[in-house]
Amino acid sequence: MAEKVPSIGRVVHFMYGDAHVPAIITDPSFVVKESGKPDWTGQALTVFLPAAPPFTTVAIHQEEIAPGTRNNATWHWPEYVPAV
């Protein structure tokens, strides 16, 4: 199976603390420029929290997350859920 590639409109899971929440990629190669820091590229996302308005953020793809390293700047592809 071919590796998935971030593209506009793809649904992903954004890490919001320890929760996996839905997000949509709105810019697959968003360049972040911060004064005095090196530029970095992430994906611009619109994030949907339950009972809250959507918000936008920039995050990086991180499929494997080691315990204790979760943060609010990562996303991953939704986990496979087999049919019942």
PDB file of N, CA and C in Angstrom:
ATOM      1  N   MET A   1       0.842  -1.176   0.000  1.00  0.00           N
ATOM      2  CA  MET A   1       0.000   0.000   0.000  1.00  0.00           C
ATOM      3  C   MET A   1       0.891   1.246   0.000  1.00  0.00           C
ATOM      4  N   ALA A   2       0.531   2.228  -0.802  1.00  0.00           N
ATOM      5  CA  ALA A   2       1.320   3.451  -0.908  1.00  0.00           C
ATOM      6  C   ALA A   2       1.183   4.293   0.364  1.00  0.00           C
ATOM      7  N   GLU A   3       2.235   5.028   0.662  1.00  0.00           N
ATOM      8  CA  GLU A   3       2.223   5.902   1.827  1.00  0.00           C
ATOM      9  C   GLU A   3       1.243   7.050   1.597  1.00  0.00           C
ATOM     10  N   LYS A   4       0.494   7.421   2.632  1.00  0.00           N
ATOM     11  CA  LYS A   4      -0.451   8.531   2.534  1.00  0.00           C
ATOM     12  C   LYS A   4       0.324   9.844   2.492  1.00  0.00           C
ATOM     13  N   VAL A   5      -0.200  10.797   1.742  1.00  0.00           N
ATOM     14  CA  VAL A   5       0.431  12.096   1.602  1.00  0.00           C
ATOM     15  C   VAL A   5      -0.553  13.168   2.065  1.00  0.00           C
ATOM     16  N   PRO A   6      -0.116  14.105   2.924  1.00  0.00           N
ATOM     17  CA  PRO A   6      -1.019  15.175   3.334  1.00  0.00           C
ATOM     18  C   PRO A   6      -1.475  15.999   2.136  1.00  0.00           C
ATOM     19  N   SER A   7      -2.776  16.240   2.049  1.00  0.00           N
ATOM     20  CA  SER A   7      -3.321  17.075   0.980  1.00  0.00           C
ATOM     21  C   SER A   7      -4.556  17.796   1.499  1.00  0.00           C
ATOM     22  N   ILE A   8      -4.931  18.859   0.816  1.00  0.00           N
ATOM     23  CA  ILE A   8      -6.063  19.682   1.236  1.00  0.00           C
ATOM     24  C   ILE A   8      -7.325  18.832   1.326  1.00  0.00           C
ATOM     25  N   GLY A   9      -8.036  18.986   2.434  1.00  0.00           N
ATOM     26  CA  GLY A   9      -9.312  18.307   2.627  1.00  0.00           C
ATOM     27  C   GLY A   9      -9.231  16.956   3.306  1.00  0.00           C
ATOM     28  N   ARG A  10      -8.027  16.415   3.525  1.00  0.00           N
ATOM     29  CA  ARG A  10      -7.900  15.111   4.199  1.00  0.00           C
ATOM     30  C   ARG A  10      -8.258  15.250   5.677  1.00  0.00           C
ATOM     31  N   VAL A  11      -8.993  14.272   6.193  1.00  0.00           N
ATOM     32  CA  VAL A  11      -9.353  14.246   7.610  1.00  0.00           C
ATOM     33  C   VAL A  11      -8.247  13.520   8.369  1.00  0.00           C
ATOM     34  N   VAL A  12      -7.803  14.129   9.475  1.00  0.00           N
ATOM     35  CA  VAL A  12      -6.734  13.567  10.299  1.00  0.00           C
ATOM     36  C   VAL A  12      -7.152  13.660  11.764  1.00  0.00           C
ATOM     37  N   HIS A  13      -6.350  13.069  12.646  1.00  0.00           N
ATOM     38  CA  HIS A  13      -6.554  13.193  14.097  1.00  0.00           C
ATOM     39  C   HIS A  13      -5.503  14.155  14.638  1.00  0.00           C
ATOM     40  N   PHE A  14      -5.953  15.231  15.264  1.00  0.00           N
ATOM     41  CA  PHE A  14      -5.085  16.196  15.924  1.00  0.00           C
ATOM     42  C   PHE A  14      -4.996  15.799  17.390  1.00  0.00           C
ATOM     43  N   MET A  15      -3.803  15.844  17.948  1.00  0.00           N
ATOM     44  CA  MET A  15      -3.626  15.512  19.361  1.00  0.00           C
ATOM     45  C   MET A  15      -3.908  16.757  20.201  1.00  0.00           C
ATOM     46  N   TYR A  16      -4.986  16.692  20.974  1.00  0.00           N
ATOM     47  CA  TYR A  16      -5.384  17.779  21.857  1.00  0.00           C
ATOM     48  C   TYR A  16      -5.226  17.260  23.277  1.00  0.00           C
ATOM     49  N   GLY A  17      -4.038  17.450  23.848  1.00  0.00           N
ATOM     50  CA  GLY A  17      -3.692  16.785  25.103  1.00  0.00           C
ATOM     51  C   GLY A  17      -3.560  15.304  24.807  1.00  0.00           C
ATOM     52  N   ASP A  18      -4.314  14.455  25.519  1.00  0.00           N
ATOM     53  CA  ASP A  18      -4.310  13.019  25.254  1.00  0.00           C
ATOM     54  C   ASP A  18      -5.450  12.601  24.332  1.00  0.00           C
ATOM     55  N   ALA A  19      -6.283  13.559  23.915  1.00  0.00           N
ATOM     56  CA  ALA A  19      -7.441  13.238  23.077  1.00  0.00           C
ATOM     57  C   ALA A  19      -7.087  13.320  21.591  1.00  0.00           C
ATOM     58  N   HIS A  20      -7.702  12.427  20.816  1.00  0.00           N
ATOM     59  CA  HIS A  20      -7.612  12.462  19.361  1.00  0.00           C
ATOM     60  C   HIS A  20      -8.868  13.179  18.892  1.00  0.00           C
ATOM     61  N   VAL A  21      -8.722  14.333  18.245  1.00  0.00           N
ATOM     62  CA  VAL A  21      -9.889  15.072  17.768  1.00  0.00           C
ATOM     63  C   VAL A  21      -9.786  15.245  16.255  1.00  0.00           C
ATOM     64  N   PRO A  22     -10.927  15.345  15.565  1.00  0.00           N
ATOM     65  CA  PRO A  22     -10.890  15.456  14.111  1.00  0.00           C
ATOM     66  C   PRO A  22     -10.374  16.821  13.656  1.00  0.00           C
ATOM     67  N   ALA A  23      -9.656  16.779  12.542  1.00  0.00           N
ATOM     68  CA  ALA A  23      -9.159  18.004  11.915  1.00  0.00           C
ATOM     69  C   ALA A  23      -9.118  17.785  10.411  1.00  0.00           C
ATOM     70  N   ILE A  24      -9.132  18.876   9.678  1.00  0.00           N
ATOM     71  CA  ILE A  24      -9.032  18.832   8.222  1.00  0.00           C
ATOM     72  C   ILE A  24      -7.800  19.619   7.807  1.00  0.00           C
ATOM     73  N   ILE A  25      -7.002  19.052   6.911  1.00  0.00           N
ATOM     74  CA  ILE A  25      -5.819  19.749   6.394  1.00  0.00           C
ATOM     75  C   ILE A  25      -6.281  20.853   5.448  1.00  0.00           C
ATOM     76  N   THR A  26      -5.849  22.094   5.723  1.00  0.00           N
ATOM     77  CA  THR A  26      -6.208  23.218   4.863  1.00  0.00           C
ATOM     78  C   THR A  26      -5.017  23.736   4.057  1.00  0.00           C
ATOM     79  N   ASP A  27      -3.803  23.413   4.490  1.00  0.00           N
ATOM     80  CA  ASP A  27      -2.588  23.746   3.732  1.00  0.00           C
ATOM     81  C   ASP A  27      -1.548  22.690   4.069  1.00  0.00           C
ATOM     82  N   PRO A  28      -1.223  21.802   3.111  1.00  0.00           N
ATOM     83  CA  PRO A  28      -0.314  20.699   3.417  1.00  0.00           C
ATOM     84  C   PRO A  28       1.150  21.101   3.581  1.00  0.00           C
ATOM     85  N   SER A  29       1.539  22.300   3.161  1.00  0.00           N
ATOM     86  CA  SER A  29       2.943  22.716   3.321  1.00  0.00           C
ATOM     87  C   SER A  29       3.024  24.171   3.767  1.00  0.00           C
ATOM     88  N   PHE A  30       2.553  24.391   4.978  1.00  0.00           N
ATOM     89  CA  PHE A  30       2.526  25.721   5.564  1.00  0.00           C
ATOM     90  C   PHE A  30       3.880  26.016   6.198  1.00  0.00           C
ATOM     91  N   VAL A  31       4.515  27.100   5.787  1.00  0.00           N
ATOM     92  CA  VAL A  31       5.830  27.474   6.319  1.00  0.00           C
ATOM     93  C   VAL A  31       5.634  28.468   7.457  1.00  0.00           C
ATOM     94  N   VAL A  32       6.196  28.130   8.618  1.00  0.00           N
ATOM     95  CA  VAL A  32       6.119  28.985   9.793  1.00  0.00           C
ATOM     96  C   VAL A  32       7.412  29.775   9.889  1.00  0.00           C
ATOM     97  N   LYS A  33       7.272  31.100   9.920  1.00  0.00           N
ATOM     98  CA  LYS A  33       8.424  31.992  10.039  1.00  0.00           C
ATOM     99  C   LYS A  33       8.316  32.725  11.371  1.00  0.00           C
ATOM    100  N   GLU A  34       9.270  32.452  12.260  1.00  0.00           N
ATOM    101  CA  GLU A  34       9.301  33.108  13.566  1.00  0.00           C
ATOM    102  C   GLU A  34      10.607  33.888  13.671  1.00  0.00           C
ATOM    103  N   SER A  35      10.523  35.103  14.142  1.00  0.00           N
ATOM    104  CA  SER A  35      11.692  35.958  14.263  1.00  0.00           C
ATOM    105  C   SER A  35      12.768  35.300  15.129  1.00  0.00           C
ATOM    106  N   GLY A  36      13.978  35.217  14.595  1.00  0.00           N
ATOM    107  CA  GLY A  36      15.101  34.670  15.339  1.00  0.00           C
ATOM    108  C   GLY A  36      15.148  33.159  15.411  1.00  0.00           C
ATOM    109  N   LYS A  37      14.206  32.468  14.748  1.00  0.00           N
ATOM    110  CA  LYS A  37      14.184  31.002  14.763  1.00  0.00           C
ATOM    111  C   LYS A  37      14.200  30.485  13.329  1.00  0.00           C
ATOM    112  N   PRO A  38      14.689  29.258  13.125  1.00  0.00           N
ATOM    113  CA  PRO A  38      14.667  28.706  11.767  1.00  0.00           C
ATOM    114  C   PRO A  38      13.226  28.459  11.299  1.00  0.00           C
ATOM    115  N   ASP A  39      12.984  28.664  10.002  1.00  0.00           N
ATOM    116  CA  ASP A  39      11.675  28.363   9.431  1.00  0.00           C
ATOM    117  C   ASP A  39      11.413  26.864   9.530  1.00  0.00           C
ATOM    118  N   TRP A  40      10.155  26.464   9.680  1.00  0.00           N
ATOM    119  CA  TRP A  40       9.790  25.054   9.664  1.00  0.00           C
ATOM    120  C   TRP A  40       8.472  24.891   8.921  1.00  0.00           C
ATOM    121  N   THR A  41       8.262  23.704   8.389  1.00  0.00           N
ATOM    122  CA  THR A  41       7.058  23.427   7.609  1.00  0.00           C
ATOM    123  C   THR A  41       6.188  22.420   8.342  1.00  0.00           C
ATOM    124  N   GLY A  42       4.915  22.734   8.421  1.00  0.00           N
ATOM    125  CA  GLY A  42       3.930  21.842   9.013  1.00  0.00           C
ATOM    126  C   GLY A  42       2.692  21.862   8.148  1.00  0.00           C
ATOM    127  N   GLN A  43       1.605  21.367   8.683  1.00  0.00           N
ATOM    128  CA  GLN A  43       0.353  21.374   7.966  1.00  0.00           C
ATOM    129  C   GLN A  43      -0.629  22.280   8.709  1.00  0.00           C
ATOM    130  N   ALA A  44      -1.261  23.199   7.973  1.00  0.00           N
ATOM    131  CA  ALA A  44      -2.303  24.033   8.569  1.00  0.00           C
ATOM    132  C   ALA A  44      -3.556  23.177   8.684  1.00  0.00           C
ATOM    133  N   LEU A  45      -4.161  23.192   9.872  1.00  0.00           N
ATOM    134  CA  LEU A  45      -5.342  22.374  10.152  1.00  0.00           C
ATOM    135  C   LEU A  45      -6.472  23.234  10.693  1.00  0.00           C
ATOM    136  N   THR A  46      -7.698  22.833  10.385  1.00  0.00           N
ATOM    137  CA  THR A  46      -8.869  23.329  11.096  1.00  0.00           C
ATOM    138  C   THR A  46      -9.298  22.189  12.003  1.00  0.00           C
ATOM    139  N   VAL A  47      -9.338  22.467  13.314  1.00  0.00           N
ATOM    140  CA  VAL A  47      -9.579  21.446  14.333  1.00  0.00           C
ATOM    141  C   VAL A  47     -10.997  21.599  14.878  1.00  0.00           C
ATOM    142  N   PHE A  48     -11.673  20.450  15.063  1.00  0.00           N
ATOM    143  CA  PHE A  48     -13.055  20.433  15.533  1.00  0.00           C
ATOM    144  C   PHE A  48     -13.136  19.747  16.894  1.00  0.00           C
ATOM    145  N   LEU A  49     -13.387  20.556  17.943  1.00  0.00           N
ATOM    146  CA  LEU A  49     -13.556  20.020  19.298  1.00  0.00           C
ATOM    147  C   LEU A  49     -15.046  19.848  19.579  1.00  0.00           C
ATOM    148  N   PRO A  50     -15.418  18.851  20.386  1.00  0.00           N
ATOM    149  CA  PRO A  50     -16.833  18.705  20.752  1.00  0.00           C
ATOM    150  C   PRO A  50     -17.315  19.943  21.518  1.00  0.00           C
ATOM    151  N   ALA A  51     -18.466  20.445  21.162  1.00  0.00           N
ATOM    152  CA  ALA A  51     -19.118  21.565  21.862  1.00  0.00           C
ATOM    153  C   ALA A  51     -18.256  22.826  21.936  1.00  0.00           C
ATOM    154  N   ALA A  52     -17.441  23.067  20.915  1.00  0.00           N
ATOM    155  CA  ALA A  52     -16.614  24.278  20.869  1.00  0.00           C
ATOM    156  C   ALA A  52     -16.462  24.699  19.408  1.00  0.00           C
ATOM    157  N   PRO A  53     -16.232  25.976  19.168  1.00  0.00           N
ATOM    158  CA  PRO A  53     -16.045  26.392  17.778  1.00  0.00           C
ATOM    159  C   PRO A  53     -14.734  25.837  17.207  1.00  0.00           C
ATOM    160  N   PRO A  54     -14.681  25.589  15.901  1.00  0.00           N
ATOM    161  CA  PRO A  54     -13.434  25.126  15.289  1.00  0.00           C
ATOM    162  C   PRO A  54     -12.344  26.190  15.427  1.00  0.00           C
ATOM    163  N   PHE A  55     -11.098  25.750  15.400  1.00  0.00           N
ATOM    164  CA  PHE A  55      -9.975  26.687  15.408  1.00  0.00           C
ATOM    165  C   PHE A  55      -8.923  26.189  14.427  1.00  0.00           C
ATOM    166  N   THR A  56      -8.014  27.078  14.058  1.00  0.00           N
ATOM    167  CA  THR A  56      -6.940  26.712  13.137  1.00  0.00           C
ATOM    168  C   THR A  56      -5.613  26.691  13.874  1.00  0.00           C
ATOM    169  N   THR A  57      -4.714  25.837  13.401  1.00  0.00           N
ATOM    170  CA  THR A  57      -3.383  25.723  13.980  1.00  0.00           C
ATOM    171  C   THR A  57      -2.459  25.127  12.934  1.00  0.00           C
ATOM    172  N   VAL A  58      -1.184  25.127  13.228  1.00  0.00           N
ATOM    173  CA  VAL A  58      -0.197  24.450  12.383  1.00  0.00           C
ATOM    174  C   VAL A  58       0.419  23.343  13.219  1.00  0.00           C
ATOM    175  N   ALA A  59       0.486  22.143  12.654  1.00  0.00           N
ATOM    176  CA  ALA A  59       1.001  20.986  13.378  1.00  0.00           C
ATOM    177  C   ALA A  59       1.868  20.151  12.447  1.00  0.00           C
ATOM    178  N   ILE A  60       2.640  19.250  13.035  1.00  0.00           N
ATOM    179  CA  ILE A  60       3.469  18.350  12.244  1.00  0.00           C
ATOM    180  C   ILE A  60       2.938  16.928  12.348  1.00  0.00           C
ATOM    181  N   HIS A  61       3.191  16.149  11.315  1.00  0.00           N
ATOM    182  CA  HIS A  61       2.775  14.755  11.289  1.00  0.00           C
ATOM    183  C   HIS A  61       3.686  13.947  12.194  1.00  0.00           C
ATOM    184  N   GLN A  62       3.095  13.145  13.062  1.00  0.00           N
ATOM    185  CA  GLN A  62       3.856  12.250  13.933  1.00  0.00           C
ATOM    186  C   GLN A  62       2.989  11.023  14.178  1.00  0.00           C
ATOM    187  N   GLU A  63       3.238   9.973  13.405  1.00  0.00           N
ATOM    188  CA  GLU A  63       2.409   8.760  13.482  1.00  0.00           C
ATOM    189  C   GLU A  63       2.651   7.987  14.769  1.00  0.00           C
ATOM    190  N   GLU A  64       3.897   7.814  15.151  1.00  0.00           N
ATOM    191  CA  GLU A  64       4.247   7.074  16.367  1.00  0.00           C
ATOM    192  C   GLU A  64       4.517   8.083  17.479  1.00  0.00           C
ATOM    193  N   ILE A  65       3.753   7.989  18.551  1.00  0.00           N
ATOM    194  CA  ILE A  65       3.930   8.919  19.664  1.00  0.00           C
ATOM    195  C   ILE A  65       4.334   8.131  20.900  1.00  0.00           C
ATOM    196  N   ALA A  66       5.522   8.402  21.390  1.00  0.00           N
ATOM    197  CA  ALA A  66       6.010   7.719  22.594  1.00  0.00           C
ATOM    198  C   ALA A  66       5.267   8.246  23.811  1.00  0.00           C
ATOM    199  N   PRO A  67       5.007   7.416  24.812  1.00  0.00           N
ATOM    200  CA  PRO A  67       4.334   7.872  26.029  1.00  0.00           C
ATOM    201  C   PRO A  67       5.041   9.077  26.639  1.00  0.00           C
ATOM    202  N   GLY A  68       4.251  10.040  27.068  1.00  0.00           N
ATOM    203  CA  GLY A  68       4.805  11.230  27.707  1.00  0.00           C
ATOM    204  C   GLY A  68       5.315  12.288  26.749  1.00  0.00           C
ATOM    205  N   THR A  69       5.150  12.074  25.426  1.00  0.00           N
ATOM    206  CA  THR A  69       5.650  13.075  24.475  1.00  0.00           C
ATOM    207  C   THR A  69       4.523  13.743  23.701  1.00  0.00           C
ATOM    208  N   ARG A  70       3.288  13.527  24.086  1.00  0.00           N
ATOM    209  CA  ARG A  70       2.172  14.148  23.369  1.00  0.00           C
ATOM    210  C   ARG A  70       2.211  15.660  23.578  1.00  0.00           C
ATOM    211  N   ASN A  71       1.870  16.366  22.523  1.00  0.00           N
ATOM    212  CA  ASN A  71       1.739  17.818  22.645  1.00  0.00           C
ATOM    213  C   ASN A  71       0.666  18.295  21.684  1.00  0.00           C
ATOM    214  N   ASN A  72       0.365  19.556  21.700  1.00  0.00           N
ATOM    215  CA  ASN A  72      -0.716  20.087  20.879  1.00  0.00           C
ATOM    216  C   ASN A  72      -0.252  20.503  19.495  1.00  0.00           C
ATOM    217  N   ALA A  73       0.863  19.999  19.038  1.00  0.00           N
ATOM    218  CA  ALA A  73       1.343  20.404  17.725  1.00  0.00           C
ATOM    219  C   ALA A  73       1.584  19.207  16.809  1.00  0.00           C
ATOM    220  N   THR A  74       0.877  18.094  17.046  1.00  0.00           N
ATOM    221  CA  THR A  74       1.062  16.930  16.190  1.00  0.00           C
ATOM    222  C   THR A  74      -0.281  16.387  15.713  1.00  0.00           C
ATOM    223  N   TRP A  75      -0.220  15.686  14.590  1.00  0.00           N
ATOM    224  CA  TRP A  75      -1.405  15.009  14.067  1.00  0.00           C
ATOM    225  C   TRP A  75      -0.961  13.664  13.504  1.00  0.00           C
ATOM    226  N   HIS A  76      -1.941  12.771  13.294  1.00  0.00           N
ATOM    227  CA  HIS A  76      -1.654  11.482  12.671  1.00  0.00           C
ATOM    228  C   HIS A  76      -2.885  11.045  11.881  1.00  0.00           C
ATOM    229  N   TRP A  77      -2.682  10.045  11.027  1.00  0.00           N
ATOM    230  CA  TRP A  77      -3.789   9.507  10.243  1.00  0.00           C
ATOM    231  C   TRP A  77      -4.737   8.770  11.180  1.00  0.00           C
ATOM    232  N   PRO A  78      -6.064   8.800  10.920  1.00  0.00           N
ATOM    233  CA  PRO A  78      -7.012   8.066  11.765  1.00  0.00           C
ATOM    234  C   PRO A  78      -6.675   6.581  11.817  1.00  0.00           C
ATOM    235  N   GLU A  79      -6.878   5.998  12.988  1.00  0.00           N
ATOM    236  CA  GLU A  79      -6.631   4.573  13.167  1.00  0.00           C
ATOM    237  C   GLU A  79      -7.649   3.763  12.362  1.00  0.00           C
ATOM    238  N   TYR A  80      -7.237   2.614  11.872  1.00  0.00           N
ATOM    239  CA  TYR A  80      -8.126   1.733  11.140  1.00  0.00           C
ATOM    240  C   TYR A  80      -9.154   1.119  12.089  1.00  0.00           C
ATOM    241  N   VAL A  81     -10.412   1.181  11.713  1.00  0.00           N
ATOM    242  CA  VAL A  81     -11.477   0.562  12.496  1.00  0.00           C
ATOM    243  C   VAL A  81     -12.141  -0.455  11.588  1.00  0.00           C
ATOM    244  N   PRO A  82     -12.018  -1.750  11.918  1.00  0.00           N
ATOM    245  CA  PRO A  82     -12.598  -2.779  11.044  1.00  0.00           C
ATOM    246  C   PRO A  82     -14.122  -2.760  11.095  1.00  0.00           C
ATOM    247  N   ALA A  83     -14.725  -3.201  10.006  1.00  0.00           N
ATOM    248  CA  ALA A  83     -16.189  -3.297   9.957  1.00  0.00           C
ATOM    249  C   ALA A  83     -16.666  -4.348  10.959  1.00  0.00           C
ATOM    250  N   VAL A  84     -17.840  -4.120  11.489  1.00  0.00           N
ATOM    251  CA  VAL A  84     -18.405  -5.050  12.471  1.00  0.00           C
ATOM    252  C   VAL A  84     -19.303  -6.042  11.767  1.00  0.00           C
TER     253      VAL A  84
END
